[in-house]
C-alpha atoms as a PDB file:
ATOM      1  CA  MET A   1      69.501 127.622  40.223  1.00  0.00           C
ATOM      2  CA  VAL A   2      71.365 124.971  38.286  1.00  0.00           C
ATOM      3  CA  ASP A   3      74.580 126.949  38.607  1.00  0.00           C
ATOM      4  CA  GLU A   4      74.597 126.259  42.346  1.00  0.00           C
ATOM      5  CA  ILE A   5      74.992 122.487  41.982  1.00  0.00           C
ATOM      6  CA  ASN A   6      77.913 121.210  44.000  1.00  0.00           C
ATOM      7  CA  ILE A   7      80.070 119.242  41.578  1.00  0.00           C
ATOM      8  CA  ASP A   8      82.951 118.305  43.852  1.00  0.00           C
ATOM      9  CA  CYS A   9      83.282 114.660  43.091  1.00  0.00           C
ATOM     10  CA  CYS A  10      84.472 111.236  42.352  1.00  0.00           C
ATOM     11  CA  CYS A  11      85.795 109.060  40.872  1.00  0.00           C
ATOM     12  CA  GLU A  12      88.651 109.091  43.258  1.00  0.00           C
ATOM     13  CA  SER A  13      89.381 105.802  44.894  1.00  0.00           C
ATOM     14  CA  ILE A  14      86.808 104.417  47.286  1.00  0.00           C
ATOM     15  CA  GLU A  15      89.179 104.975  50.194  1.00  0.00           C
ATOM     16  CA  GLU A  16      89.491 108.638  49.265  1.00  0.00           C
ATOM     17  CA  LYS A  17      85.733 108.916  48.924  1.00  0.00           C
ATOM     18  CA  GLU A  18      85.272 107.564  52.437  1.00  0.00           C
ATOM     19  CA  GLU A  19      87.737 110.142  53.742  1.00  0.00           C
ATOM     20  CA  LYS A  20      85.886 113.037  52.121  1.00  0.00           C
ATOM     21  CA  LYS A  21      83.511 114.381  54.730  1.00  0.00           C
ATOM     22  CA  GLY A  22      81.165 117.301  54.413  1.00  0.00           C
ATOM     23  CA  VAL A  23      81.527 117.289  50.620  1.00  0.00           C
ATOM     24  CA  ASN A  24      78.614 116.537  48.337  1.00  0.00           C
ATOM     25  CA  CYS A  25      79.563 113.867  45.789  1.00  0.00           C
ATOM     26  CA  PHE A  26      77.729 112.595  42.745  1.00  0.00           C
ATOM     27  CA  CYS A  27      78.235 109.096  44.071  1.00  0.00           C
ATOM     28  CA  GLU A  28      76.449 109.962  47.329  1.00  0.00           C
ATOM     29  CA  ASN A  29      74.212 112.941  46.801  1.00  0.00           C
ATOM     30  CA  ILE A  30      73.594 115.701  44.268  1.00  0.00           C
ATOM     31  CA  LYS A  31      71.902 118.883  45.369  1.00  0.00           C
ATOM     32  CA  GLU A  32      70.281 121.426  43.114  1.00  0.00           C
ATOM     33  CA  GLU A  33      68.700 124.608  44.431  1.00  0.00           C
ATOM     34  CA  ASN A  34      69.596 123.280  47.909  1.00  0.00           C
ATOM     35  CA  GLU A  35      67.012 120.493  47.543  1.00  0.00           C
ATOM     36  CA  SER A  36      67.839 116.813  47.922  1.00  0.00           C
ATOM     37  CA  ARG A  37      67.289 114.508  44.989  1.00  0.00           C
ATOM     38  CA  ASP A  38      65.109 111.483  45.575  1.00  0.00           C
ATOM     39  CA  PHE A  39      66.497 108.436  43.894  1.00  0.00           C
ATOM     40  CA  CYS A  40      64.244 105.615  42.767  1.00  0.00           C
ATOM     41  CA  SER A  41      65.828 102.339  41.717  1.00  0.00           C
ATOM     42  CA  GLU A  42      64.799 100.541  38.606  1.00  0.00           C
ATOM     43  CA  THR A  43      66.632  97.555  37.155  1.00  0.00           C
ATOM     44  CA  ILE A  44      67.182  97.808  33.422  1.00  0.00           C
ATOM     45  CA  GLU A  45      67.492  94.439  31.718  1.00  0.00           C
ATOM     46  CA  LYS A  46      69.602  94.023  28.620  1.00  0.00           C
ATOM     47  CA  GLU A  47      67.756  93.639  25.353  1.00  0.00           C
ATOM     48  CA  GLU A  48      69.889  91.341  23.254  1.00  0.00           C
ATOM     49  CA  GLU A  49      67.262  91.262  20.523  1.00  0.00           C
ATOM     50  CA  ASN A  50      68.104  94.884  19.723  1.00  0.00           C
ATOM     51  CA  GLY A  51      71.334  93.627  18.182  1.00  0.00           C
ATOM     52  CA  PHE A  52      73.852  95.272  20.478  1.00  0.00           C
ATOM     53  CA  ASN A  53      75.499  94.489  23.781  1.00  0.00           C
ATOM     54  CA  CYS A  54      77.256  97.742  24.614  1.00  0.00           C
ATOM     55  CA  CYS A  55      76.942  97.310  28.364  1.00  0.00           C
ATOM     56  CA  CYS A  56      77.641  94.316  30.527  1.00  0.00           C
ATOM     57  CA  GLY A  57      78.203  93.383  34.132  1.00  0.00           C
ATOM     58  CA  ASP A  58      75.959  93.687  37.167  1.00  0.00           C
ATOM     59  CA  TYR A  59      74.960  97.343  37.408  1.00  0.00           C
ATOM     60  CA  GLU A  60      71.689  98.938  38.446  1.00  0.00           C
ATOM     61  CA  VAL A  61      70.597 101.978  36.459  1.00  0.00           C
ATOM     62  CA  THR A  62      68.453 104.530  38.289  1.00  0.00           C
ATOM     63  CA  ASP A  63      66.082 107.133  36.902  1.00  0.00           C
ATOM     64  CA  ASP A  64      67.140 110.321  38.661  1.00  0.00           C
ATOM     65  CA  SER A  65      64.722 112.691  36.927  1.00  0.00           C
ATOM     66  CA  LYS A  66      63.441 115.417  39.214  1.00  0.00           C
ATOM     67  CA  LEU A  67      60.983 116.894  36.729  1.00  0.00           C
ATOM     68  CA  GLU A  68      58.367 115.362  34.461  1.00  0.00           C
ATOM     69  CA  ASN A  69      58.369 116.010  30.735  1.00  0.00           C
ATOM     70  CA  PRO A  70      56.318 119.084  29.733  1.00  0.00           C
ATOM     71  CA  GLN A  71      52.883 118.375  28.276  1.00  0.00           C
ATOM     72  CA  ASN A  72      53.482 120.730  25.369  1.00  0.00           C
ATOM     73  CA  SER A  73      57.155 120.484  24.516  1.00  0.00           C
ATOM     74  CA  LYS A  74      59.071 122.988  22.434  1.00  0.00           C
ATOM     75  CA  LYS A  75      60.922 121.884  19.301  1.00  0.00           C
ATOM     76  CA  ASP A  76      63.275 124.813  18.692  1.00  0.00           C
ATOM     77  CA  ILE A  77      66.057 125.811  21.069  1.00  0.00           C
ATOM     78  CA  ASP A  78      67.619 129.277  21.085  1.00  0.00           C
ATOM     79  CA  LEU A  79      71.360 129.813  21.021  1.00  0.00           C
ATOM     80  CA  LYS A  80      71.485 131.175  24.582  1.00  0.00           C
ATOM     81  CA  THR A  81      69.862 128.069  26.052  1.00  0.00           C
ATOM     82  CA  LEU A  82      72.016 125.776  23.921  1.00  0.00           C
ATOM     83  CA  ASN A  83      75.184 127.528  25.094  1.00  0.00           C
ATOM     84  CA  LYS A  84      73.921 127.167  28.656  1.00  0.00           C
ATOM     85  CA  ILE A  85      73.675 123.401  28.089  1.00  0.00           C
ATOM     86  CA  LYS A  86      77.216 123.297  26.741  1.00  0.00           C
ATOM     87  CA  ASN A  87      78.539 125.272  29.735  1.00  0.00           C
ATOM     88  CA  MET A  88      76.677 122.992  32.135  1.00  0.00           C
ATOM     89  CA  ALA A  89      78.141 119.915  30.450  1.00  0.00           C
ATOM     90  CA  GLU A  90      81.644 121.329  30.798  1.00  0.00           C
ATOM     91  CA  SER A  91      81.108 122.192  34.477  1.00  0.00           C
ATOM     92  CA  LEU A  92      79.919 118.615  35.058  1.00  0.00           C
ATOM     93  CA  ASP A  93      83.153 117.183  33.601  1.00  0.00           C
ATOM     94  CA  MET A  94      81.699 116.132  30.270  1.00  0.00           C
ATOM     95  CA  ASP A  95      84.319 116.472  27.564  1.00  0.00           C
ATOM     96  CA  ILE A  96      82.555 116.341  24.205  1.00  0.00           C
ATOM     97  CA  ILE A  97      79.110 117.303  22.992  1.00  0.00           C
ATOM     98  CA  GLY A  98      77.661 116.389  19.615  1.00  0.00           C
ATOM     99  CA  PHE A  99      74.269 116.109  17.986  1.00  0.00           C
ATOM    100  CA  GLY A 100      72.965 112.973  16.332  1.00  0.00           C
ATOM    101  CA  LYS A 101      69.787 111.749  14.727  1.00  0.00           C
ATOM    102  CA  ILE A 102      68.370 108.265  15.136  1.00  0.00           C
ATOM    103  CA  SER A 103      67.168 106.731  11.884  1.00  0.00           C
ATOM    104  CA  LYS A 104      63.489 106.029  11.241  1.00  0.00           C
ATOM    105  CA  GLU A 105      64.334 102.344  10.924  1.00  0.00           C
ATOM    106  CA  GLU A 106      65.922 102.297  14.382  1.00  0.00           C
ATOM    107  CA  MET A 107      62.989 104.193  15.885  1.00  0.00           C
ATOM    108  CA  LYS A 108      60.570 101.612  14.479  1.00  0.00           C
ATOM    109  CA  LYS A 109      62.758  98.700  15.585  1.00  0.00           C
ATOM    110  CA  ASN A 110      63.288  99.947  19.135  1.00  0.00           C
ATOM    111  CA  GLU A 111      59.946 100.783  20.737  1.00  0.00           C
ATOM    112  CA  LYS A 112      61.652 102.153  23.861  1.00  0.00           C
ATOM    113  CA  LEU A 113      63.000 105.150  21.965  1.00  0.00           C
ATOM    114  CA  ILE A 114      60.761 108.218  22.241  1.00  0.00           C
ATOM    115  CA  TYR A 115      62.654 110.967  20.396  1.00  0.00           C
ATOM    116  CA  PRO A 116      64.940 110.712  17.321  1.00  0.00           C
ATOM    117  CA  ASN A 117      67.066 113.756  18.140  1.00  0.00           C
ATOM    118  CA  ALA A 118      70.043 113.272  20.427  1.00  0.00           C
ATOM    119  CA  ILE A 119      72.485 115.378  22.400  1.00  0.00           C
ATOM    120  CA  VAL A 120      75.507 113.088  22.689  1.00  0.00           C
ATOM    121  CA  LEU A 121      77.968 113.567  25.555  1.00  0.00           C
ATOM    122  CA  THR A 122      81.099 111.823  26.799  1.00  0.00           C
ATOM    123  CA  MET A 123      82.943 111.655  30.104  1.00  0.00           C
ATOM    124  CA  LYS A 124      86.636 110.801  30.185  1.00  0.00           C
ATOM    125  CA  ILE A 125      87.826 107.664  31.974  1.00  0.00           C
ATOM    126  CA  GLY A 126      90.538 108.894  34.347  1.00  0.00           C
ATOM    127  CA  GLU A 127      94.007 107.417  34.738  1.00  0.00           C
ATOM    128  CA  LYS A 128      93.162 105.982  38.155  1.00  0.00           C
ATOM    129  CA  ILE A 129      90.646 103.695  36.488  1.00  0.00           C
ATOM    130  CA  ILE A 130      92.867 102.929  33.496  1.00  0.00           C
ATOM    131  CA  ASN A 131      95.877 102.077  35.675  1.00  0.00           C
ATOM    132  CA  GLU A 132      93.954  99.842  38.066  1.00  0.00           C
ATOM    133  CA  PRO A 133      94.386  96.131  37.186  1.00  0.00           C
ATOM    134  CA  PRO A 134      91.227  94.035  36.702  1.00  0.00           C
ATOM    135  CA  SER A 135      89.510  93.409  40.038  1.00  0.00           C
ATOM    136  CA  GLU A 136      86.295  94.064  41.924  1.00  0.00           C
ATOM    137  CA  PHE A 137      87.831  97.323  43.089  1.00  0.00           C
ATOM    138  CA  ALA A 138      88.498  98.366  39.488  1.00  0.00           C
ATOM    139  CA  GLN A 139      84.875  97.611  38.675  1.00  0.00           C
ATOM    140  CA  ASP A 140      83.775  99.699  41.660  1.00  0.00           C
ATOM    141  CA  LEU A 141      85.753 102.631  40.256  1.00  0.00           C
ATOM    142  CA  ASN A 142      84.077 102.169  36.890  1.00  0.00           C
ATOM    143  CA  ASN A 143      80.672 102.071  38.545  1.00  0.00           C
ATOM    144  CA  LEU A 144      81.412 105.309  40.392  1.00  0.00           C
ATOM    145  CA  LEU A 145      82.096 106.949  37.048  1.00  0.00           C
ATOM    146  CA  TYR A 146      78.863 105.547  35.640  1.00  0.00           C
ATOM    147  CA  ASP A 147      77.050 107.012  38.664  1.00  0.00           C
ATOM    148  CA  LYS A 148      78.594 110.421  38.206  1.00  0.00           C
ATOM    149  CA  PHE A 149      77.960 110.522  34.475  1.00  0.00           C
ATOM    150  CA  GLY A 150      74.395 109.249  34.762  1.00  0.00           C
ATOM    151  CA  LYS A 151      73.398 111.778  37.403  1.00  0.00           C
ATOM    152  CA  SER A 152      75.043 114.561  35.409  1.00  0.00           C
ATOM    153  CA  LEU A 153      72.939 113.649  32.383  1.00  0.00           C
ATOM    154  CA  TYR A 154      69.781 113.845  34.486  1.00  0.00           C
ATOM    155  CA  ILE A 155      70.757 117.319  35.707  1.00  0.00           C
ATOM    156  CA  ILE A 156      70.956 118.559  32.112  1.00  0.00           C
ATOM    157  CA  SER A 157      67.791 116.659  31.214  1.00  0.00           C
ATOM    158  CA  ASP A 158      65.905 118.356  34.062  1.00  0.00           C
ATOM    159  CA  TYR A 159      67.192 121.758  32.979  1.00  0.00           C
ATOM    160  CA  LEU A 160      65.844 121.115  29.472  1.00  0.00           C
ATOM    161  CA  ARG A 161      62.499 119.962  30.893  1.00  0.00           C
ATOM    162  CA  LYS A 162      62.365 123.077  33.054  1.00  0.00           C
ATOM    163  CA  ASN A 163      62.661 125.072  29.823  1.00  0.00           C
ATOM    164  CA  ASP A 164      59.817 123.111  28.190  1.00  0.00           C
ATOM    165  CA  PHE A 165      61.876 120.653  26.140  1.00  0.00           C
ATOM    166  CA  ALA A 166      60.978 116.969  26.342  1.00  0.00           C
ATOM    167  CA  THR A 167      63.810 114.521  27.074  1.00  0.00           C
ATOM    168  CA  GLN A 168      64.700 110.864  27.501  1.00  0.00           C
ATOM    169  CA  VAL A 169      68.050 110.018  29.101  1.00  0.00           C
ATOM    170  CA  ALA A 170      70.168 107.262  27.569  1.00  0.00           C
ATOM    171  CA  HIS A 171      72.307 106.269  30.552  1.00  0.00           C
ATOM    172  CA  PRO A 172      75.930 105.297  29.749  1.00  0.00           C
ATOM    173  CA  HIS A 173      75.344 101.841  31.225  1.00  0.00           C
ATOM    174  CA  GLN A 174      71.873 101.224  29.837  1.00  0.00           C
ATOM    175  CA  ASN A 175      71.073  99.234  26.708  1.00  0.00           C
ATOM    176  CA  LEU A 176      68.534 101.711  25.400  1.00  0.00           C
ATOM    177  CA  LEU A 177      70.425 101.949  22.102  1.00  0.00           C
ATOM    178  CA  ASP A 178      73.922 101.569  20.690  1.00  0.00           C
ATOM    179  CA  LEU A 179      75.541 104.711  22.103  1.00  0.00           C
ATOM    180  CA  SER A 180      78.854 104.131  20.322  1.00  0.00           C
ATOM    181  CA  LYS A 181      77.188 104.139  16.910  1.00  0.00           C
ATOM    182  CA  LEU A 182      75.065 107.150  17.891  1.00  0.00           C
ATOM    183  CA  ALA A 183      78.225 109.020  18.877  1.00  0.00           C
ATOM    184  CA  GLU A 184      79.828 108.021  15.581  1.00  0.00           C
ATOM    185  CA  ASN A 185      76.776 109.282  13.687  1.00  0.00           C
ATOM    186  CA  SER A 186      77.065 112.589  15.540  1.00  0.00           C
ATOM    187  CA  GLY A 187      80.555 112.993  14.057  1.00  0.00           C
ATOM    188  CA  ILE A 188      82.543 113.172  17.302  1.00  0.00           C
ATOM    189  CA  GLY A 189      84.572 110.031  16.641  1.00  0.00           C
ATOM    190  CA  ILE A 190      84.686 106.540  15.152  1.00  0.00           C
ATOM    191  CA  VAL A 191      83.876 103.142  16.639  1.00  0.00           C
ATOM    192  CA  GLY A 192      87.158 101.243  16.481  1.00  0.00           C
ATOM    193  CA  ARG A 193      87.986  97.592  16.065  1.00  0.00           C
ATOM    194  CA  SER A 194      87.619  97.132  19.832  1.00  0.00           C
ATOM    195  CA  HIS A 195      83.978  98.367  19.677  1.00  0.00           C
ATOM    196  CA  LEU A 196      85.045 101.459  21.652  1.00  0.00           C
ATOM    197  CA  LEU A 197      84.426 104.988  20.434  1.00  0.00           C
ATOM    198  CA  ILE A 198      87.708 106.707  19.495  1.00  0.00           C
ATOM    199  CA  THR A 199      87.762 110.515  19.646  1.00  0.00           C
ATOM    200  CA  PRO A 200      90.508 113.103  19.071  1.00  0.00           C
ATOM    201  CA  GLU A 201      90.135 114.368  22.639  1.00  0.00           C
ATOM    202  CA  SER A 202      90.213 111.124  24.616  1.00  0.00           C
ATOM    203  CA  GLY A 203      91.060 108.300  22.248  1.00  0.00           C
ATOM    204  CA  PRO A 204      89.101 105.230  23.439  1.00  0.00           C
ATOM    205  CA  SER A 205      88.999 106.298  27.098  1.00  0.00           C
ATOM    206  CA  GLN A 206      85.512 107.685  27.621  1.00  0.00           C
ATOM    207  CA  LYS A 207      82.001 106.684  28.582  1.00  0.00           C
ATOM    208  CA  ILE A 208      79.146 107.726  26.294  1.00  0.00           C
ATOM    209  CA  GLY A 209      75.703 108.989  27.219  1.00  0.00           C
ATOM    210  CA  ALA A 210      72.939 110.859  25.446  1.00  0.00           C
ATOM    211  CA  ILE A 211      69.812 112.896  25.977  1.00  0.00           C
ATOM    212  CA  LEU A 212      67.117 112.145  23.413  1.00  0.00           C
ATOM    213  CA  THR A 213      64.964 115.191  22.945  1.00  0.00           C
ATOM    214  CA  SER A 214      62.084 116.922  21.170  1.00  0.00           C
ATOM    215  CA  ILE A 215      64.515 119.614  19.938  1.00  0.00           C
ATOM    216  CA  GLU A 216      64.614 119.543  16.139  1.00  0.00           C
ATOM    217  CA  ASN A 217      66.891 122.462  15.241  1.00  0.00           C
ATOM    218  CA  LEU A 218      70.141 120.998  16.547  1.00  0.00           C
ATOM    219  CA  THR A 219      73.163 121.126  14.245  1.00  0.00           C
ATOM    220  CA  PHE A 220      73.284 117.489  13.175  1.00  0.00           C
ATOM    221  CA  SER A 221      76.529 116.200  11.703  1.00  0.00           C
ATOM    222  CA  LYS A 222      76.410 115.557   7.944  1.00  0.00           C
ATOM    223  CA  GLU A 223      79.798 113.871   7.697  1.00  0.00           C
ATOM    224  CA  ASN A 224      82.380 112.210   9.897  1.00  0.00           C
ATOM    225  CA  THR A 225      85.953 113.427   9.390  1.00  0.00           C
ATOM    226  CA  HIS A 226      87.439 110.611  11.469  1.00  0.00           C
ATOM    227  CA  LYS A 227      86.750 107.680   9.145  1.00  0.00           C
ATOM    228  CA  TRP A 228      90.465 107.207   8.468  1.00  0.00           C
ATOM    229  CA  ILE A 229      90.654 105.636  11.942  1.00  0.00           C
ATOM    230  CA  ASN A 230      88.971 102.517  10.537  1.00  0.00           C
ATOM    231  CA  ASP A 231      91.910 101.899   8.187  1.00  0.00           C
ATOM    232  CA  TYR A 232      94.369 102.543  11.010  1.00  0.00           C
ATOM    233  CA  CYS A 233      92.580 100.023  13.235  1.00  0.00           C
ATOM    234  CA  LYS A 234      92.645  97.338  10.542  1.00  0.00           C
ATOM    235  CA  ARG A 235      96.442  97.554  10.359  1.00  0.00           C
ATOM    236  CA  CYS A 236      96.887  97.747  14.130  1.00  0.00           C
ATOM    237  CA  GLY A 237      95.071  95.099  16.155  1.00  0.00           C
ATOM    238  CA  LYS A 238      96.834  95.917  19.435  1.00  0.00           C
ATOM    239  CA  CYS A 239      93.539  95.817  21.331  1.00  0.00           C
ATOM    240  CA  ILE A 240      93.066  92.202  20.229  1.00  0.00           C
ATOM    241  CA  LYS A 241      96.533  91.195  21.399  1.00  0.00           C
ATOM    242  CA  ALA A 242      96.089  93.056  24.700  1.00  0.00           C
ATOM    243  CA  CYS A 243      92.996  91.121  25.779  1.00  0.00           C
ATOM    244  CA  PRO A 244      94.042  88.409  28.287  1.00  0.00           C
ATOM    245  CA  GLU A 245      90.807  86.444  27.741  1.00  0.00           C
ATOM    246  CA  ASP A 246      90.618  86.603  23.916  1.00  0.00           C
ATOM    247  CA  ALA A 247      87.322  88.465  24.080  1.00  0.00           C
ATOM    248  CA  LEU A 248      88.231  90.209  20.821  1.00  0.00           C
ATOM    249  CA  LYS A 249      88.819  88.081  17.736  1.00  0.00           C
ATOM    250  CA  LYS A 250      90.684  88.831  14.520  1.00  0.00           C
ATOM    251  CA  ASP A 251      87.535  88.008  12.577  1.00  0.00           C
ATOM    252  CA  TYR A 252      85.189  90.899  11.850  1.00  0.00           C
ATOM    253  CA  MET A 253      81.528  91.014  12.878  1.00  0.00           C
ATOM    254  CA  ASP A 254      80.952  93.875  10.424  1.00  0.00           C
ATOM    255  CA  GLU A 255      83.017  96.156   8.204  1.00  0.00           C
ATOM    256  CA  ASN A 256      85.108  97.635  11.000  1.00  0.00           C
ATOM    257  CA  ARG A 257      84.547  95.937  14.365  1.00  0.00           C
ATOM    258  CA  ALA A 258      86.199  92.757  15.561  1.00  0.00           C
ATOM    259  CA  GLU A 259      84.117  89.853  16.745  1.00  0.00           C
ATOM    260  CA  PHE A 260      83.412  90.396  20.454  1.00  0.00           C
ATOM    261  CA  ILE A 261      82.695  87.624  22.948  1.00  0.00           C
ATOM    262  CA  GLU A 262      81.040  89.407  25.845  1.00  0.00           C
ATOM    263  CA  SER A 263      81.150  86.414  28.200  1.00  0.00           C
ATOM    264  CA  LYS A 264      84.959  86.528  28.137  1.00  0.00           C
ATOM    265  CA  CYS A 265      85.348  90.277  28.654  1.00  0.00           C
ATOM    266  CA  LEU A 266      86.822  91.216  32.045  1.00  0.00           C
ATOM    267  CA  GLY A 267      85.723  94.788  31.462  1.00  0.00           C
ATOM    268  CA  CYS A 268      82.179  93.623  32.134  1.00  0.00           C
ATOM    269  CA  ASN A 269      82.739  92.592  35.751  1.00  0.00           C
ATOM    270  CA  GLN A 270      86.319  93.424  36.762  1.00  0.00           C
ATOM    271  CA  GLY A 271      86.853  96.855  35.236  1.00  0.00           C
ATOM    272  CA  CYS A 272      89.510  95.682  32.790  1.00  0.00           C
ATOM    273  CA  THR A 273      90.918  98.415  30.527  1.00  0.00           C
ATOM    274  CA  TYR A 274      93.822  96.608  28.824  1.00  0.00           C
ATOM    275  CA  CYS A 275      92.401  97.213  25.333  1.00  0.00           C
ATOM    276  CA  ILE A 276      92.249 100.937  26.116  1.00  0.00           C
ATOM    277  CA  GLU A 277      95.774 101.065  27.547  1.00  0.00           C
ATOM    278  CA  GLU A 278      97.331  99.467  24.469  1.00  0.00           C
ATOM    279  CA  CYS A 279      95.416 101.520  21.933  1.00  0.00           C
ATOM    280  CA  PRO A 280      97.700 103.974  20.073  1.00  0.00           C
ATOM    281  CA  PHE A 281      94.935 106.585  20.330  1.00  0.00           C
ATOM    282  CA  TYR A 282      95.256 106.412  24.107  1.00  0.00           C
ATOM    283  CA  LYS A 283      99.056 106.552  24.106  1.00  0.00           C
ATOM    284  CA  ASP A 284      99.682 109.100  21.342  1.00  0.00           C
ATOM    285  CA  GLU A 285      98.201 112.338  20.074  1.00  0.00           C
ATOM    286  CA  TYR A 286      95.440 112.143  17.489  1.00  0.00           C
ATOM    287  CA  ASN A 287      97.147 114.492  15.012  1.00  0.00           C
ATOM    288  CA  TYR A 288     100.447 112.603  15.286  1.00  0.00           C
ATOM    289  CA  LEU A 289      98.720 109.329  14.416  1.00  0.00           C
ATOM    290  CA  LYS A 290      96.806 110.951  11.567  1.00  0.00           C
ATOM    291  CA  GLU A 291     100.039 112.334  10.082  1.00  0.00           C
ATOM    292  CA  LYS A 292     101.676 108.919  10.466  1.00  0.00           C
ATOM    293  CA  HIS A 293      98.696 107.274   8.783  1.00  0.00           C
ATOM    294  CA  ASN A 294      98.674 109.749   5.893  1.00  0.00           C
ATOM    295  CA  LYS A 295     102.378 109.170   5.200  1.00  0.00           C
ATOM    296  CA  LEU A 296     101.855 105.420   5.109  1.00  0.00           C
ATOM    297  CA  GLU A 297      98.856 105.813   2.814  1.00  0.00           C
ATOM    298  CA  SER A 298     100.917 107.961   0.444  1.00  0.00           C
ATOM    299  CA  LYS A 299     103.733 105.386   0.276  1.00  0.00           C
ATOM    300  CA  LEU A 300     101.292 102.550  -0.364  1.00  0.00           C
ATOM    301  CA  LYS A 301      99.597 104.530  -3.142  1.00  0.00           C
ATOM    302  CA  GLU A 302     102.978 105.238  -4.771  1.00  0.00           C
ATOM    303  CA  LYS A 303     103.676 101.490  -4.775  1.00  0.00           C
ATOM    304  CA  GLY A 304     100.221 100.767  -6.154  1.00  0.00           C
ATOM    305  CA  LYS A 305      99.214  98.684  -3.117  1.00  0.00           C
ATOM    306  CA  ILE A 306      96.038 100.624  -2.428  1.00  0.00           C
END
């Protein structure tokens, strides 16, 4: 059964991984029901014409599905199965789960998308990755996390398929769609000035993945209670100052996000996390920053400045 999956795993340092013997790791092998997974490699090319570049660097995404989609998929999920999914996500080190809906316009624009309903999940970026200075080794650590997260998504996807729900995995390092905006639409956080999703639980330090599905009775978010973060980001700009290569500009590419020059970003090939480290939402508690923001807003309103 799915409960028997060995989830002892990475992303410890590569040296530590080499020292771990006799332990099944996501980065090496995932076993479910004591059967080995067969991995088939498929290179996913970026689609710049889709209007987003959320992933960069040289990374090969694999389709680790064990089961095919059901021929006659179900559209309604019961509470017991949904809670099972949530428990599985937690056991696989996923921190947040939300539900989002892809617009009809986006579905028409992006022919690769099969289902408009999304289960959005995140996996926290650990301190070992954050504290590692930009280097090939830092990128290797990031890639290990991508591996772990991607394979975890496929485990949940296969469980849904086993229960007659159709799925399509949006890998955290695959340009299938803009995962940050999808996560924002699901209400779990806000895309900050740095283009990173900011959540109460992890600030900007998480990877984002999703499972697109035939399930139609998910509890989709109707509002996002974190929009105040946009105003905080506009007054802050620490992520811009932290970037050693000026990949983030003071100019805005849209209402909230700074102009981003991907070719300069060391996070794409050297695992740089300086913009995360300097973000107040990484350093301080969410509620503390919200209280600080509200006090400032009140003072500015009293002075008639906003």
